[in-house]
C-alpha cells in the first residue's frame, strides 16, 4: 500500500496547492497546474508520476458523461 501514496510532504503540499488553485481559479487547466507544482515543489520523477496520475484519475471521475 505504501507504493500507492508517496510519503513525501512535498507531494501532499503539491496536491493541496493544486486543489486550492482549482477552487480559486477553475479556468486554469489542471495539466498546467500539475506541471507548475512539479517544479514549484521540486518533486522527484516518482512523485511527479504520482501527481500526474492522481489528477488524471480525479479529472476522469469528475468530467460529465455524455
Protein backbone atom coordinates (compact mmCIF):
# COMPACT_ATOMS: atom_id res chain seq x y z
CA UNK A 1 0.00 0.00 0.00
CA UNK A 2 2.92 2.35 0.58
CA UNK A 3 3.58 2.42 -3.17
CA UNK A 4 0.17 3.97 -3.81
CA UNK A 5 0.74 7.02 -1.63
CA UNK A 6 4.16 8.68 -1.56
CA UNK A 7 5.42 9.55 1.90
CA UNK A 8 6.80 12.95 0.96
CA UNK A 9 5.41 16.09 2.49
CA UNK A 10 6.18 17.88 -0.79
CA UNK A 11 3.64 15.73 -2.64
CA UNK A 12 0.97 16.50 -0.05
CA UNK A 13 1.73 20.20 -0.30
CA UNK A 14 1.61 19.99 -4.11
CA UNK A 15 -1.81 18.30 -4.05
CA UNK A 16 -3.12 20.95 -1.67
CA UNK A 17 -1.62 23.78 -3.76
CA UNK A 18 -3.21 22.44 -6.96
CA UNK A 19 -6.56 21.86 -5.25
CA UNK A 20 -6.56 25.38 -3.81
CA UNK A 21 -5.74 26.84 -7.21
CA UNK A 22 -8.51 24.85 -8.85
CA UNK A 23 -11.02 26.22 -6.34
CA UNK A 24 -9.82 29.80 -6.71
CA UNK A 25 -9.22 29.77 -10.47
CA UNK A 26 -11.24 26.97 -12.01
CA UNK A 27 -10.47 28.26 -15.51
CA UNK A 28 -6.82 27.16 -15.27
CA UNK A 29 -6.01 23.83 -16.95
CA UNK A 30 -5.26 21.06 -14.47
CA UNK A 31 -2.31 19.83 -16.52
CA UNK A 32 -0.65 23.24 -16.34
CA UNK A 33 -1.14 23.44 -12.58
CA UNK A 34 0.33 19.95 -12.16
CA UNK A 35 3.39 20.88 -14.20
CA UNK A 36 3.82 24.10 -12.21
CA UNK A 37 3.55 22.16 -8.94
CA UNK A 38 6.18 19.63 -10.04
CA UNK A 39 8.70 22.44 -10.46
CA UNK A 40 7.48 24.58 -7.55
CA UNK A 41 7.85 21.71 -5.06
CA UNK A 42 10.90 20.17 -6.77
CA UNK A 43 9.30 16.74 -6.97
CA UNK A 44 11.21 13.59 -7.84
CA UNK A 45 10.24 11.74 -11.03
CA UNK A 46 8.37 9.15 -8.95
CA UNK A 47 6.44 11.84 -7.06
CA UNK A 48 5.74 13.68 -10.31
CA UNK A 49 4.31 10.50 -11.85
CA UNK A 50 2.10 10.03 -8.80
CA UNK A 51 0.85 13.62 -9.01
CA UNK A 52 0.09 13.35 -12.73
CA UNK A 53 -1.78 10.08 -12.22
CA UNK A 54 -3.66 11.37 -9.18
CA UNK A 55 -5.07 14.38 -11.01
CA UNK A 56 -5.66 12.45 -14.25
CA UNK A 57 -7.79 9.95 -12.34
CA UNK A 58 -9.56 12.72 -10.44
CA UNK A 59 -10.32 14.55 -13.68
CA UNK A 60 -11.71 11.38 -15.31
CA UNK A 61 -14.09 10.88 -12.39
CA UNK A 62 -15.33 14.47 -12.35
CA UNK A 63 -15.90 15.06 -16.08
CA UNK A 64 -19.54 14.87 -17.09
CA UNK A 65 -20.59 11.81 -19.07
CA UNK A 66 -22.24 12.49 -22.42
